[in-house]
PDB file of all heavy atoms in Angstrom:
ATOM      1  N   ALA A   1    -220.050  15.122  64.565  1.00  0.00           N
ATOM      2  CA  ALA A   1    -220.256  13.924  65.401  1.00  0.00           C
ATOM      3  C   ALA A   1    -221.663  13.921  65.984  1.00  0.00           C
ATOM      4  O   ALA A   1    -222.258  12.857  66.189  1.00  0.00           O
ATOM      5  CB  ALA A   1    -219.218  13.911  66.524  1.00  0.00           C
ATOM      6  N   SER A   2    -222.218  15.102  66.252  1.00  0.00           N
ATOM      7  CA  SER A   2    -223.564  15.207  66.825  1.00  0.00           C
ATOM      8  C   SER A   2    -224.599  14.596  65.865  1.00  0.00           C
ATOM      9  O   SER A   2    -225.448  13.805  66.268  1.00  0.00           O
ATOM     10  CB  SER A   2    -223.910  16.668  67.093  1.00  0.00           C
ATOM     11  OG  SER A   2    -225.284  16.798  67.352  1.00  0.00           O
ATOM     12  N   PHE A   3    -224.500  14.967  64.585  1.00  0.00           N
ATOM     13  CA  PHE A   3    -225.415  14.386  63.596  1.00  0.00           C
ATOM     14  C   PHE A   3    -225.214  12.879  63.514  1.00  0.00           C
ATOM     15  O   PHE A   3    -226.175  12.101  63.524  1.00  0.00           O
ATOM     16  CB  PHE A   3    -225.207  15.013  62.205  1.00  0.00           C
ATOM     17  CG  PHE A   3    -225.884  14.230  61.103  1.00  0.00           C
ATOM     18  CD1 PHE A   3    -227.261  14.251  60.963  1.00  0.00           C
ATOM     19  CD2 PHE A   3    -225.139  13.427  60.238  1.00  0.00           C
ATOM     20  CE1 PHE A   3    -227.895  13.497  59.971  1.00  0.00           C
ATOM     21  CE2 PHE A   3    -225.763  12.683  59.246  1.00  0.00           C
ATOM     22  CZ  PHE A   3    -227.146  12.719  59.113  1.00  0.00           C
ATOM     23  N   ASP A   4    -223.957  12.452  63.453  1.00  0.00           N
ATOM     24  CA  ASP A   4    -223.674  11.031  63.259  1.00  0.00           C
ATOM     25  C   ASP A   4    -224.185  10.181  64.422  1.00  0.00           C
ATOM     26  O   ASP A   4    -224.746   9.105  64.218  1.00  0.00           O
ATOM     27  CB  ASP A   4    -222.169  10.829  63.055  1.00  0.00           C
ATOM     28  CG  ASP A   4    -221.902   9.606  62.205  1.00  0.00           C
ATOM     29  OD1 ASP A   4    -222.555   9.479  61.146  1.00  0.00           O
ATOM     30  OD2 ASP A   4    -221.083   8.771  62.609  1.00  0.00           O
ATOM     31  N   ALA A   5    -224.002  10.677  65.637  1.00  0.00           N
ATOM     32  CA  ALA A   5    -224.459   9.927  66.819  1.00  0.00           C
ATOM     33  C   ALA A   5    -225.981   9.781  66.799  1.00  0.00           C
ATOM     34  O   ALA A   5    -226.525   8.705  67.072  1.00  0.00           O
ATOM     35  CB  ALA A   5    -223.999  10.631  68.092  1.00  0.00           C
ATOM     36  N   GLN A   6    -226.675  10.865  66.435  1.00  0.00           N
ATOM     37  CA  GLN A   6    -228.142  10.804  66.388  1.00  0.00           C
ATOM     38  C   GLN A   6    -228.623   9.913  65.245  1.00  0.00           C
ATOM     39  O   GLN A   6    -229.603   9.184  65.377  1.00  0.00           O
ATOM     40  CB  GLN A   6    -228.725  12.213  66.245  1.00  0.00           C
ATOM     41  CG  GLN A   6    -228.481  13.088  67.471  1.00  0.00           C
ATOM     42  CD  GLN A   6    -229.200  14.420  67.355  1.00  0.00           C
ATOM     43  OE1 GLN A   6    -230.408  14.496  67.517  1.00  0.00           O
ATOM     44  NE2 GLN A   6    -228.446  15.475  67.055  1.00  0.00           N
ATOM     45  N   ARG A   7    -227.901   9.977  64.115  1.00  0.00           N
ATOM     46  CA  ARG A   7    -228.267   9.122  62.975  1.00  0.00           C
ATOM     47  C   ARG A   7    -228.190   7.651  63.367  1.00  0.00           C
ATOM     48  O   ARG A   7    -229.091   6.871  63.085  1.00  0.00           O
ATOM     49  CB  ARG A   7    -227.343   9.401  61.788  1.00  0.00           C
ATOM     50  CG  ARG A   7    -227.621   8.528  60.567  1.00  0.00           C
ATOM     51  CD  ARG A   7    -226.481   8.517  59.592  1.00  0.00           C
ATOM     52  NE  ARG A   7    -225.236   8.038  60.145  1.00  0.00           N
ATOM     53  CZ  ARG A   7    -224.989   6.761  60.447  1.00  0.00           C
ATOM     54  NH1 ARG A   7    -225.912   5.829  60.291  1.00  0.00           N
ATOM     55  NH2 ARG A   7    -223.811   6.405  60.937  1.00  0.00           N
ATOM     56  N   GLN A   8    -227.092   7.294  64.052  1.00  0.00           N
ATOM     57  CA  GLN A   8    -226.925   5.892  64.462  1.00  0.00           C
ATOM     58  C   GLN A   8    -228.040   5.461  65.405  1.00  0.00           C
ATOM     59  O   GLN A   8    -228.558   4.359  65.318  1.00  0.00           O
ATOM     60  CB  GLN A   8    -225.568   5.701  65.143  1.00  0.00           C
ATOM     61  CG  GLN A   8    -224.427   5.652  64.137  1.00  0.00           C
ATOM     62  CD  GLN A   8    -223.065   5.519  64.811  1.00  0.00           C
ATOM     63  OE1 GLN A   8    -222.972   5.136  65.955  1.00  0.00           O
ATOM     64  NE2 GLN A   8    -222.015   5.846  64.101  1.00  0.00           N
ATOM     65  N   ARG A   9    -228.419   6.378  66.312  1.00  0.00           N
ATOM     66  CA  ARG A   9    -229.436   6.035  67.312  1.00  0.00           C
ATOM     67  C   ARG A   9    -230.818   5.895  66.670  1.00  0.00           C
ATOM     68  O   ARG A   9    -231.599   5.015  67.023  1.00  0.00           O
ATOM     69  CB  ARG A   9    -229.447   7.129  68.389  1.00  0.00           C
ATOM     70  CG  ARG A   9    -230.288   6.801  69.612  1.00  0.00           C
ATOM     71  CD  ARG A   9    -230.000   7.767  70.760  1.00  0.00           C
ATOM     72  NE  ARG A   9    -230.019   9.174  70.373  1.00  0.00           N
ATOM     73  CZ  ARG A   9    -231.120   9.890  70.168  1.00  0.00           C
ATOM     74  NH1 ARG A   9    -232.298   9.328  70.296  1.00  0.00           N
ATOM     75  NH2 ARG A   9    -231.047  11.158  69.827  1.00  0.00           N
ATOM     76  N   LEU A  10    -231.115   6.773  65.705  1.00  0.00           N
ATOM     77  CA  LEU A  10    -232.462   6.806  65.129  1.00  0.00           C
ATOM     78  C   LEU A  10    -232.652   5.860  63.945  1.00  0.00           C
ATOM     79  O   LEU A  10    -233.768   5.505  63.604  1.00  0.00           O
ATOM     80  CB  LEU A  10    -232.793   8.233  64.675  1.00  0.00           C
ATOM     81  CG  LEU A  10    -233.002   9.263  65.792  1.00  0.00           C
ATOM     82  CD1 LEU A  10    -232.904  10.667  65.222  1.00  0.00           C
ATOM     83  CD2 LEU A  10    -234.354   9.071  66.465  1.00  0.00           C
ATOM     84  N   SER A  11    -231.538   5.485  63.288  1.00  0.00           N
ATOM     85  CA  SER A  11    -231.657   4.642  62.089  1.00  0.00           C
ATOM     86  C   SER A  11    -232.273   3.294  62.441  1.00  0.00           C
ATOM     87  O   SER A  11    -231.964   2.708  63.463  1.00  0.00           O
ATOM     88  CB  SER A  11    -230.279   4.394  61.479  1.00  0.00           C
ATOM     89  OG  SER A  11    -229.818   5.547  60.860  1.00  0.00           O
ATOM     90  N   GLU A  12    -233.106   2.833  61.542  1.00  0.00           N
ATOM     91  CA  GLU A  12    -233.659   1.493  61.741  1.00  0.00           C
ATOM     92  C   GLU A  12    -232.581   0.481  61.407  1.00  0.00           C
ATOM     93  O   GLU A  12    -231.715   0.749  60.584  1.00  0.00           O
ATOM     94  CB  GLU A  12    -234.864   1.297  60.812  1.00  0.00           C
ATOM     95  CG  GLU A  12    -236.040   2.152  61.213  1.00  0.00           C
ATOM     96  CD  GLU A  12    -237.113   2.218  60.139  1.00  0.00           C
ATOM     97  OE1 GLU A  12    -236.947   1.591  59.078  1.00  0.00           O
ATOM     98  OE2 GLU A  12    -238.101   2.906  60.387  1.00  0.00           O
ATOM     99  N   GLY A  13    -232.696  -0.689  62.013  1.00  0.00           N
ATOM    100  CA  GLY A  13    -231.707  -1.746  61.771  1.00  0.00           C
ATOM    101  C   GLY A  13    -231.798  -2.280  60.358  1.00  0.00           C
ATOM    102  O   GLY A  13    -232.195  -1.580  59.447  1.00  0.00           O
ATOM    103  N   GLY A  14    -231.464  -3.538  60.179  1.00  0.00           N
ATOM    104  CA  GLY A  14    -231.490  -4.109  58.834  1.00  0.00           C
ATOM    105  C   GLY A  14    -230.096  -4.092  58.249  1.00  0.00           C
ATOM    106  O   GLY A  14    -229.141  -3.699  58.904  1.00  0.00           O
ATOM    107  N   VAL A  15    -230.007  -4.525  57.003  1.00  0.00           N
ATOM    108  CA  VAL A  15    -228.695  -4.642  56.365  1.00  0.00           C
ATOM    109  C   VAL A  15    -228.046  -3.263  56.244  1.00  0.00           C
ATOM    110  O   VAL A  15    -226.899  -3.057  56.572  1.00  0.00           O
ATOM    111  CB  VAL A  15    -228.818  -5.287  54.970  1.00  0.00           C
ATOM    112  CG1 VAL A  15    -227.443  -5.471  54.347  1.00  0.00           C
ATOM    113  CG2 VAL A  15    -229.538  -6.620  55.073  1.00  0.00           C
ATOM    114  N   ARG A  16    -228.832  -2.319  55.768  1.00  0.00           N
ATOM    115  CA  ARG A  16    -228.333  -0.941  55.694  1.00  0.00           C
ATOM    116  C   ARG A  16    -229.185  -0.100  56.626  1.00  0.00           C
ATOM    117  O   ARG A  16    -230.411  -0.114  56.543  1.00  0.00           O
ATOM    118  CB  ARG A  16    -228.500  -0.397  54.275  1.00  0.00           C
ATOM    119  CG  ARG A  16    -227.348  -0.745  53.377  1.00  0.00           C
ATOM    120  CD  ARG A  16    -227.544  -0.024  52.063  1.00  0.00           C
ATOM    121  NE  ARG A  16    -226.391  -0.215  51.201  1.00  0.00           N
ATOM    122  CZ  ARG A  16    -226.424  -0.005  49.896  1.00  0.00           C
ATOM    123  NH1 ARG A  16    -227.519   0.389  49.321  1.00  0.00           N
ATOM    124  NH2 ARG A  16    -225.345  -0.180  49.164  1.00  0.00           N
ATOM    125  N   ASP A  17    -228.537   0.643  57.501  1.00  0.00           N
ATOM    126  CA  ASP A  17    -229.303   1.530  58.373  1.00  0.00           C
ATOM    127  C   ASP A  17    -229.989   2.572  57.508  1.00  0.00           C
ATOM    128  O   ASP A  17    -229.340   3.272  56.753  1.00  0.00           O
ATOM    129  CB  ASP A  17    -228.351   2.253  59.342  1.00  0.00           C
ATOM    130  CG  ASP A  17    -227.658   1.269  60.260  1.00  0.00           C
ATOM    131  OD1 ASP A  17    -228.232   0.197  60.462  1.00  0.00           O
ATOM    132  OD2 ASP A  17    -226.560   1.576  60.759  1.00  0.00           O
ATOM    133  N   THR A  18    -231.309   2.678  57.631  1.00  0.00           N
ATOM    134  CA  THR A  18    -232.013   3.697  56.845  1.00  0.00           C
ATOM    135  C   THR A  18    -232.485   4.812  57.763  1.00  0.00           C
ATOM    136  O   THR A  18    -232.714   4.595  58.952  1.00  0.00           O
ATOM    137  CB  THR A  18    -233.247   3.100  56.124  1.00  0.00           C
ATOM    138  OG1 THR A  18    -234.101   2.538  57.121  1.00  0.00           O
ATOM    139  CG2 THR A  18    -232.852   2.035  55.127  1.00  0.00           C
ATOM    140  N   LEU A  19    -232.593   6.004  57.192  1.00  0.00           N
ATOM    141  CA  LEU A  19    -233.025   7.166  57.968  1.00  0.00           C
ATOM    142  C   LEU A  19    -234.130   7.875  57.196  1.00  0.00           C
ATOM    143  O   LEU A  19    -233.879   8.491  56.163  1.00  0.00           O
ATOM    144  CB  LEU A  19    -231.832   8.110  58.193  1.00  0.00           C
ATOM    145  CG  LEU A  19    -232.117   9.312  59.095  1.00  0.00           C
ATOM    146  CD1 LEU A  19    -232.130   8.904  60.560  1.00  0.00           C
ATOM    147  CD2 LEU A  19    -231.071  10.407  58.879  1.00  0.00           C
ATOM    148  N   SER A  20    -235.364   7.779  57.696  1.00  0.00           N
ATOM    149  CA  SER A  20    -236.495   8.422  57.016  1.00  0.00           C
ATOM    150  C   SER A  20    -236.523   9.915  57.352  1.00  0.00           C
ATOM    151  O   SER A  20    -235.810  10.365  58.258  1.00  0.00           O
ATOM    152  CB  SER A  20    -237.801   7.787  57.495  1.00  0.00           C
ATOM    153  OG  SER A  20    -237.990   8.110  58.874  1.00  0.00           O
ATOM    154  N   PHE A  21    -237.363  10.666  56.649  1.00  0.00           N
ATOM    155  CA  PHE A  21    -237.480  12.095  56.946  1.00  0.00           C
ATOM    156  C   PHE A  21    -238.036  12.296  58.356  1.00  0.00           C
ATOM    157  O   PHE A  21    -237.625  13.202  59.078  1.00  0.00           O
ATOM    158  CB  PHE A  21    -238.362  12.808  55.915  1.00  0.00           C
ATOM    159  CG  PHE A  21    -238.465  14.293  56.167  1.00  0.00           C
ATOM    160  CD1 PHE A  21    -237.386  15.138  55.918  1.00  0.00           C
ATOM    161  CD2 PHE A  21    -239.633  14.849  56.695  1.00  0.00           C
ATOM    162  CE1 PHE A  21    -237.455  16.501  56.185  1.00  0.00           C
ATOM    163  CE2 PHE A  21    -239.710  16.216  56.954  1.00  0.00           C
ATOM    164  CZ  PHE A  21    -238.619  17.045  56.695  1.00  0.00           C
ATOM    165  N   ASN A  22    -238.971  11.433  58.756  1.00  0.00           N
ATOM    166  CA  ASN A  22    -239.541  11.550  60.113  1.00  0.00           C
ATOM    167  C   ASN A  22    -238.466  11.376  61.176  1.00  0.00           C
ATOM    168  O   ASN A  22    -238.466  12.070  62.191  1.00  0.00           O
ATOM    169  CB  ASN A  22    -240.651  10.507  60.325  1.00  0.00           C
ATOM    170  CG  ASN A  22    -241.892  10.877  59.533  1.00  0.00           C
ATOM    171  OD1 ASN A  22    -242.031  12.020  59.101  1.00  0.00           O
ATOM    172  ND2 ASN A  22    -242.792   9.923  59.338  1.00  0.00           N
ATOM    173  N   GLN A  23    -237.563  10.416  60.935  1.00  0.00           N
ATOM    174  CA  GLN A  23    -236.483  10.195  61.903  1.00  0.00           C
ATOM    175  C   GLN A  23    -235.516  11.390  61.906  1.00  0.00           C
ATOM    176  O   GLN A  23    -235.085  11.827  62.971  1.00  0.00           O
ATOM    177  CB  GLN A  23    -235.734   8.908  61.564  1.00  0.00           C
ATOM    178  CG  GLN A  23    -236.557   7.669  61.853  1.00  0.00           C
ATOM    179  CD  GLN A  23    -235.963   6.440  61.200  1.00  0.00           C
ATOM    180  OE1 GLN A  23    -235.526   6.484  60.051  1.00  0.00           O
ATOM    181  NE2 GLN A  23    -235.951   5.341  61.920  1.00  0.00           N
ATOM    182  N   LEU A  24    -235.216  11.901  60.724  1.00  0.00           N
ATOM    183  CA  LEU A  24    -234.346  13.079  60.625  1.00  0.00           C
ATOM    184  C   LEU A  24    -234.978  14.248  61.399  1.00  0.00           C
ATOM    185  O   LEU A  24    -234.291  14.983  62.117  1.00  0.00           O
ATOM    186  CB  LEU A  24    -234.155  13.468  59.150  1.00  0.00           C
ATOM    187  CG  LEU A  24    -233.322  14.724  58.880  1.00  0.00           C
ATOM    188  CD1 LEU A  24    -231.846  14.490  59.205  1.00  0.00           C
ATOM    189  CD2 LEU A  24    -233.459  15.180  57.428  1.00  0.00           C
ATOM    190  N   SER A  25    -236.296  14.387  61.266  1.00  0.00           N
ATOM    191  CA  SER A  25    -237.025  15.490  61.922  1.00  0.00           C
ATOM    192  C   SER A  25    -236.932  15.438  63.438  1.00  0.00           C
ATOM    193  O   SER A  25    -237.075  16.456  64.113  1.00  0.00           O
ATOM    194  CB  SER A  25    -238.504  15.457  61.527  1.00  0.00           C
ATOM    195  OG  SER A  25    -238.623  15.517  60.135  1.00  0.00           O
ATOM    196  N   GLU A  26    -236.714  14.243  63.961  1.00  0.00           N
ATOM    197  CA  GLU A  26    -236.630  14.070  65.416  1.00  0.00           C
ATOM    198  C   GLU A  26    -235.273  14.479  65.981  1.00  0.00           C
ATOM    199  O   GLU A  26    -235.084  14.524  67.199  1.00  0.00           O
ATOM    200  CB  GLU A  26    -236.904  12.598  65.788  1.00  0.00           C
ATOM    201  CG  GLU A  26    -238.368  12.201  65.718  1.00  0.00           C
ATOM    202  CD  GLU A  26    -239.268  13.166  66.516  1.00  0.00           C
ATOM    203  OE1 GLU A  26    -239.020  13.320  67.732  1.00  0.00           O
ATOM    204  OE2 GLU A  26    -240.177  13.774  65.923  1.00  0.00           O
ATOM    205  N   MET A  27    -234.302  14.739  65.104  1.00  0.00           N
ATOM    206  CA  MET A  27    -232.968  15.105  65.593  1.00  0.00           C
ATOM    207  C   MET A  27    -232.980  16.496  66.207  1.00  0.00           C
ATOM    208  O   MET A  27    -233.721  17.376  65.771  1.00  0.00           O
ATOM    209  CB  MET A  27    -231.961  15.094  64.436  1.00  0.00           C
ATOM    210  CG  MET A  27    -231.604  13.709  63.983  1.00  0.00           C
ATOM    211  SD  MET A  27    -230.188  13.807  62.858  1.00  0.00           S
ATOM    212  CE  MET A  27    -230.089  12.110  62.328  1.00  0.00           C
ATOM    213  N   ASN A  28    -232.113  16.670  67.223  1.00  0.00           N
ATOM    214  CA  ASN A  28    -231.917  17.993  67.820  1.00  0.00           C
ATOM    215  C   ASN A  28    -230.689  18.634  67.203  1.00  0.00           C
ATOM    216  O   ASN A  28    -229.687  17.957  66.986  1.00  0.00           O
ATOM    217  CB  ASN A  28    -231.675  17.864  69.326  1.00  0.00           C
ATOM    218  CG  ASN A  28    -232.904  17.321  70.035  1.00  0.00           C
ATOM    219  OD1 ASN A  28    -234.004  17.804  69.815  1.00  0.00           O
ATOM    220  ND2 ASN A  28    -232.712  16.305  70.864  1.00  0.00           N
ATOM    221  N   THR A  29    -230.791  19.918  66.942  1.00  0.00           N
ATOM    222  CA  THR A  29    -229.601  20.630  66.481  1.00  0.00           C
ATOM    223  C   THR A  29    -229.445  21.920  67.271  1.00  0.00           C
ATOM    224  O   THR A  29    -230.432  22.516  67.692  1.00  0.00           O
ATOM    225  CB  THR A  29    -229.656  20.936  64.965  1.00  0.00           C
ATOM    226  OG1 THR A  29    -228.437  21.573  64.586  1.00  0.00           O
ATOM    227  CG2 THR A  29    -230.811  21.845  64.594  1.00  0.00           C
ATOM    228  N   MET A  30    -228.205  22.308  67.471  1.00  0.00           N
ATOM    229  CA  MET A  30    -227.902  23.585  68.122  1.00  0.00           C
ATOM    230  C   MET A  30    -227.554  24.565  67.015  1.00  0.00           C
ATOM    231  O   MET A  30    -226.797  24.221  66.106  1.00  0.00           O
ATOM    232  CB  MET A  30    -226.686  23.444  69.039  1.00  0.00           C
ATOM    233  CG  MET A  30    -226.802  22.410  70.119  1.00  0.00           C
ATOM    234  SD  MET A  30    -227.757  22.985  71.520  1.00  0.00           S
ATOM    235  CE  MET A  30    -226.735  24.285  72.175  1.00  0.00           C
ATOM    236  N   PHE A  31    -228.116  25.771  67.086  1.00  0.00           N
ATOM    237  CA  PHE A  31    -227.726  26.743  66.064  1.00  0.00           C
ATOM    238  C   PHE A  31    -227.683  28.151  66.655  1.00  0.00           C
ATOM    239  O   PHE A  31    -228.436  28.481  67.567  1.00  0.00           O
ATOM    240  CB  PHE A  31    -228.649  26.670  64.842  1.00  0.00           C
ATOM    241  CG  PHE A  31    -230.085  27.015  65.120  1.00  0.00           C
ATOM    242  CD1 PHE A  31    -230.587  28.278  64.822  1.00  0.00           C
ATOM    243  CD2 PHE A  31    -230.942  26.078  65.682  1.00  0.00           C
ATOM    244  CE1 PHE A  31    -231.905  28.598  65.078  1.00  0.00           C
ATOM    245  CE2 PHE A  31    -232.267  26.393  65.942  1.00  0.00           C
ATOM    246  CZ  PHE A  31    -232.762  27.663  65.646  1.00  0.00           C
ATOM    247  N   PRO A  32    -226.759  28.991  66.124  1.00  0.00           N
ATOM    248  CA  PRO A  32    -226.613  30.362  66.617  1.00  0.00           C
ATOM    249  C   PRO A  32    -227.504  31.323  65.829  1.00  0.00           C
ATOM    250  O   PRO A  32    -228.336  30.887  65.024  1.00  0.00           O
ATOM    251  CB  PRO A  32    -225.138  30.638  66.337  1.00  0.00           C
ATOM    252  CG  PRO A  32    -224.845  29.864  65.096  1.00  0.00           C
ATOM    253  CD  PRO A  32    -225.743  28.662  65.113  1.00  0.00           C
ATOM    254  N   THR A  33    -227.282  32.615  66.015  1.00  0.00           N
ATOM    255  CA  THR A  33    -228.013  33.628  65.239  1.00  0.00           C
ATOM    256  C   THR A  33    -227.656  33.473  63.757  1.00  0.00           C
ATOM    257  O   THR A  33    -226.604  32.922  63.418  1.00  0.00           O
ATOM    258  CB  THR A  33    -227.615  35.056  65.678  1.00  0.00           C
ATOM    259  OG1 THR A  33    -226.194  35.190  65.465  1.00  0.00           O
ATOM    260  CG2 THR A  33    -227.943  35.298  67.143  1.00  0.00           C
ATOM    261  N   TYR A  34    -228.525  33.993  62.876  1.00  0.00           N
ATOM    262  CA  TYR A  34    -228.324  33.806  61.435  1.00  0.00           C
ATOM    263  C   TYR A  34    -226.986  34.374  60.955  1.00  0.00           C
ATOM    264  O   TYR A  34    -226.269  33.703  60.201  1.00  0.00           O
ATOM    265  CB  TYR A  34    -229.492  34.412  60.643  1.00  0.00           C
ATOM    266  CG  TYR A  34    -229.571  33.838  59.249  1.00  0.00           C
ATOM    267  CD1 TYR A  34    -230.246  32.642  59.007  1.00  0.00           C
ATOM    268  CD2 TYR A  34    -228.930  34.458  58.182  1.00  0.00           C
ATOM    269  CE1 TYR A  34    -230.303  32.086  57.741  1.00  0.00           C
ATOM    270  CE2 TYR A  34    -228.971  33.902  56.902  1.00  0.00           C
ATOM    271  CZ  TYR A  34    -229.651  32.724  56.698  1.00  0.00           C
ATOM    272  OH  TYR A  34    -229.692  32.162  55.446  1.00  0.00           O
ATOM    273  N   PRO A  35    -226.565  35.584  61.413  1.00  0.00           N
ATOM    274  CA  PRO A  35    -225.264  36.098  60.938  1.00  0.00           C
ATOM    275  C   PRO A  35    -224.098  35.171  61.311  1.00  0.00           C
ATOM    276  O   PRO A  35    -223.157  35.007  60.523  1.00  0.00           O
ATOM    277  CB  PRO A  35    -225.137  37.456  61.659  1.00  0.00           C
ATOM    278  CG  PRO A  35    -226.540  37.847  61.982  1.00  0.00           C
ATOM    279  CD  PRO A  35    -227.288  36.576  62.233  1.00  0.00           C
ATOM    280  N   GLU A  36    -224.166  34.537  62.495  1.00  0.00           N
ATOM    281  CA  GLU A  36    -223.083  33.625  62.884  1.00  0.00           C
ATOM    282  C   GLU A  36    -223.130  32.343  62.036  1.00  0.00           C
ATOM    283  O   GLU A  36    -222.089  31.833  61.617  1.00  0.00           O
ATOM    284  CB  GLU A  36    -223.163  33.295  64.380  1.00  0.00           C
ATOM    285  CG  GLU A  36    -221.919  32.550  64.873  1.00  0.00           C
ATOM    286  CD  GLU A  36    -221.852  32.316  66.380  1.00  0.00           C
ATOM    287  OE1 GLU A  36    -222.775  32.739  67.119  1.00  0.00           O
ATOM    288  OE2 GLU A  36    -220.864  31.695  66.822  1.00  0.00           O
ATOM    289  N   GLN A  37    -224.353  31.871  61.766  1.00  0.00           N
ATOM    290  CA  GLN A  37    -224.490  30.698  60.874  1.00  0.00           C
ATOM    291  C   GLN A  37    -223.850  30.982  59.513  1.00  0.00           C
ATOM    292  O   GLN A  37    -223.139  30.151  58.958  1.00  0.00           O
ATOM    293  CB  GLN A  37    -225.970  30.374  60.645  1.00  0.00           C
ATOM    294  CG  GLN A  37    -226.720  29.814  61.822  1.00  0.00           C
ATOM    295  CD  GLN A  37    -228.176  29.549  61.436  1.00  0.00           C
ATOM    296  OE1 GLN A  37    -228.460  28.985  60.373  1.00  0.00           O
ATOM    297  NE2 GLN A  37    -229.102  29.979  62.277  1.00  0.00           N
ATOM    298  N   GLU A  38    -224.146  32.195  58.989  1.00  0.00           N
ATOM    299  CA  GLU A  38    -223.597  32.571  57.672  1.00  0.00           C
ATOM    300  C   GLU A  38    -222.071  32.552  57.678  1.00  0.00           C
ATOM    301  O   GLU A  38    -221.445  32.050  56.750  1.00  0.00           O
ATOM    302  CB  GLU A  38    -224.068  33.988  57.297  1.00  0.00           C
ATOM    303  CG  GLU A  38    -225.408  34.005  56.616  1.00  0.00           C
ATOM    304  CD  GLU A  38    -225.766  35.419  56.146  1.00  0.00           C
ATOM    305  OE1 GLU A  38    -225.558  36.383  56.916  1.00  0.00           O
ATOM    306  OE2 GLU A  38    -226.252  35.555  55.018  1.00  0.00           O
ATOM    307  N   LYS A  39    -221.492  33.107  58.746  1.00  0.00           N
ATOM    308  CA  LYS A  39    -220.029  33.148  58.891  1.00  0.00           C
ATOM    309  C   LYS A  39    -219.462  31.728  58.866  1.00  0.00           C
ATOM    310  O   LYS A  39    -218.472  31.446  58.186  1.00  0.00           O
ATOM    311  CB  LYS A  39    -219.651  33.801  60.231  1.00  0.00           C
ATOM    312  CG  LYS A  39    -219.636  35.308  60.204  1.00  0.00           C
ATOM    313  CD  LYS A  39    -218.202  35.790  60.117  1.00  0.00           C
ATOM    314  CE  LYS A  39    -218.088  37.270  60.367  1.00  0.00           C
ATOM    315  NZ  LYS A  39    -216.856  37.840  59.906  1.00  0.00           N
TER     316      LYS A  39
END
């Protein structure tokens, strides 16, 4: 849901919401240590 909420906020309007790499880059993500990510 975190990704989806940010996608909706950052996507440009228009017929189809588009998401450029620059907009994707602006998203915040939470992540743990690498071993926990792997798990």
